[in-house]
Protein backbone atom coordinates (compact mmCIF):
# COMPACT_ATOMS: atom_id res chain seq x y z
CA MET A 1 82.71 96.20 103.73
CA THR A 2 80.00 98.08 101.86
CA GLU A 3 76.37 97.59 102.93
CA TYR A 4 73.18 98.42 101.07
CA ALA A 5 69.48 97.68 101.56
CA ILE A 6 66.24 98.04 99.67
CA THR A 7 62.71 97.48 100.97
CA LEU A 8 59.76 96.70 98.76
CA SER A 9 56.07 96.21 99.50
CA THR A 10 53.85 93.66 97.81
CA ALA A 11 50.24 92.50 98.18
CA LEU A 12 51.29 88.86 98.66
CA PRO A 13 51.21 87.48 102.22
CA ALA A 14 54.59 87.16 103.95
CA ASP A 15 54.53 83.35 104.14
CA ASP A 16 53.95 83.11 100.38
CA VAL A 17 56.77 85.57 99.62
CA PHE A 18 59.10 83.63 101.91
CA GLU A 19 58.38 80.32 100.15
CA ARG A 20 58.90 81.88 96.73
CA LEU A 21 62.24 83.42 97.75
CA ARG A 22 63.40 80.04 99.04
CA ALA A 23 63.12 78.71 95.46
CA GLN A 24 66.30 80.45 94.28
CA GLU A 25 66.48 78.36 91.10
CA HIS A 26 63.57 80.49 89.80
CA PHE A 27 65.44 83.80 90.17
CA PRO A 28 66.82 83.71 86.57
CA ASP A 29 63.22 83.37 85.28
CA VAL A 30 62.31 86.80 86.66
CA ALA A 31 65.60 88.74 86.91
CA PRO A 32 67.40 89.12 83.57
CA GLU A 33 70.78 89.92 85.13
CA ILE A 34 70.81 86.60 87.01
CA LEU A 35 72.09 84.27 84.31
CA ALA A 36 72.03 81.09 86.42
CA VAL A 37 71.33 79.72 89.88
CA GLU A 38 72.13 76.07 90.41
CA ALA A 39 71.69 74.03 93.57
CA VAL A 40 74.98 72.28 94.35
CA GLY A 41 74.12 70.93 97.78
CA GLN A 42 71.64 71.36 100.58
CA ASP A 43 71.19 75.12 101.03
CA LEU A 44 74.15 75.76 98.68
CA HIS A 45 73.73 77.51 95.31
CA GLU A 46 76.05 78.71 92.55
CA TYR A 47 75.15 82.10 91.07
CA VAL A 48 76.16 83.73 87.79
CA LEU A 49 75.24 87.42 87.52
CA ALA A 50 75.71 89.62 84.46
CA PHE A 51 77.81 92.62 85.36
CA ARG A 52 78.77 95.23 82.82
CA GLU A 53 80.78 93.45 80.11
CA GLY A 54 81.31 90.26 82.11
CA VAL A 55 79.92 88.13 84.89
CA ALA A 56 80.29 87.71 88.63
CA ARG A 57 80.26 84.17 90.00
CA TRP A 58 79.90 82.91 93.53
CA THR A 59 78.62 80.03 95.62
CA GLN A 60 76.49 80.93 98.60
CA SER A 61 75.06 79.10 101.55
CA THR A 62 71.56 80.01 102.69
CA GLU A 63 70.18 79.69 106.18
CA ALA A 64 66.42 79.93 106.69
CA GLY A 65 64.74 81.27 109.82
CA PRO A 66 61.23 82.56 110.48
CA LEU A 67 60.50 84.80 107.47
CA ARG A 68 64.25 85.32 107.00
CA LEU A 69 66.80 83.95 104.55
CA GLY A 70 70.41 84.74 105.36
CA PHE A 71 73.11 84.10 102.77
CA GLU A 72 76.89 84.14 102.66
CA GLN A 73 79.44 83.50 99.93
CA THR A 74 81.46 80.34 100.45
CA ASP A 75 83.53 80.78 97.28
CA GLY A 76 83.58 83.26 94.43
CA ASP A 77 84.54 86.59 92.96
CA PHE A 78 83.89 88.77 96.00
CA VAL A 79 86.39 89.02 98.84
CA SER A 80 83.31 88.77 101.06
CA PHE A 81 79.60 88.75 100.28
CA GLY A 82 76.53 88.16 102.42
CA GLY A 83 73.16 89.47 103.41
CA SER A 84 69.56 88.58 103.97
CA TRP A 85 65.99 88.66 102.78
CA VAL A 86 63.64 89.61 105.65
CA ILE A 87 59.90 89.43 105.05
CA SER A 88 57.39 91.17 107.32
CA GLU A 89 53.62 90.86 107.38
CA GLU A 90 52.01 94.23 106.64
CA PRO A 91 48.37 95.32 106.30
CA GLY A 92 47.29 94.24 102.82
CA GLY A 93 50.41 92.19 102.10
CA SER A 94 54.04 92.20 103.16
CA SER A 95 57.32 94.05 102.97
CA VAL A 96 60.59 92.54 101.85
CA THR A 97 63.95 93.97 102.87
CA TYR A 98 67.00 92.80 100.94
CA ARG A 99 70.28 93.61 102.68
CA VAL A 100 73.65 92.94 101.11
CA ALA A 101 77.17 93.58 102.30
CA PHE A 102 80.20 92.94 100.12
CA ARG A 103 83.84 93.73 99.60
CA THR A 104 85.42 93.75 96.17
CA SER A 105 89.00 92.78 95.47
CA VAL A 106 90.31 96.27 94.68
CA PRO A 107 89.96 98.43 97.83
CA GLN A 108 91.43 101.50 96.11
CA LEU A 109 88.57 101.48 93.60
CA ALA A 110 85.76 100.64 96.04
CA GLY A 111 84.37 104.18 95.89
CA ALA A 112 83.81 103.83 92.14
CA ILE A 113 83.06 100.12 91.81
CA ASP A 114 80.91 99.43 94.87
CA PRO A 115 77.99 101.72 93.89
CA MET A 116 77.85 100.05 90.46
CA VAL A 117 77.85 96.57 92.02
CA ALA A 118 75.20 97.66 94.53
CA ARG A 119 73.01 99.08 91.78
CA VAL A 120 73.03 95.73 89.93
CA LEU A 121 72.39 93.72 93.12
CA LEU A 122 69.55 95.96 94.34
CA ARG A 123 67.91 96.21 90.92
CA THR A 124 68.11 92.43 90.66
CA ALA A 125 66.55 92.01 94.11
CA ALA A 126 63.70 94.31 93.07
CA ASP A 127 63.21 92.25 89.90
CA VAL A 128 63.13 89.03 91.95
CA VAL A 129 60.49 90.35 94.35
CA THR A 130 58.35 91.78 91.56
CA GLY A 131 58.69 88.66 89.43
CA LEU A 132 57.96 86.17 92.20
CA ALA A 133 55.56 88.13 94.41
CA GLY A 134 53.61 90.25 91.95
CA PRO A 135 53.88 94.00 91.54
CA ALA A 136 56.16 95.55 94.14
CA GLU A 137 56.80 99.12 95.16
CA ILE A 138 60.12 100.39 96.48
CA VAL A 139 59.54 101.73 99.99
CA SER A 140 63.14 102.60 100.89
CA GLY A 141 66.63 102.24 99.50
CA GLY A 142 65.72 103.26 95.96
CA GLU A 143 68.21 106.13 96.02
CA ALA A 144 71.02 103.56 95.62
CA LEU A 145 69.61 102.61 92.23
CA HIS A 146 70.44 106.05 90.71
CA GLU A 147 68.22 105.23 87.79
CA ALA A 148 64.53 104.71 87.24
CA TRP A 149 63.16 101.30 88.12
CA ALA A 150 59.56 100.44 87.39
CA GLY A 151 58.06 97.52 89.29
């Protein structure tokens, strides 16, 4: 399984960021590559993400803890997919770490495909944090983006 992480800082307090990230249905409003997020049950959401010339679809369950949202695919295009949003109070605001681990269906091509998938997922996470929590700055993990991202 391939794992990636990105950490961003924002001026918004951690509790506010946490509440905004819980409202996953708003992700498509601020992240253009997220085409849809639909609640299909308690703590269960269907995602549609633009990827290259097509889309990736999955249903994920979300488990909330203190300033943490863990998620895991229950059905979808990945062989496995999961991760977390962890929010920490910082002087003058908060930091948000998005971790994602996934496995695609073609292990022989993972070396070529996985970095592209990660780039889309991490860029989308940065868009979500910036869009929901105000301007955000990448603190770590930006090297996985391999292209300029302006928050």
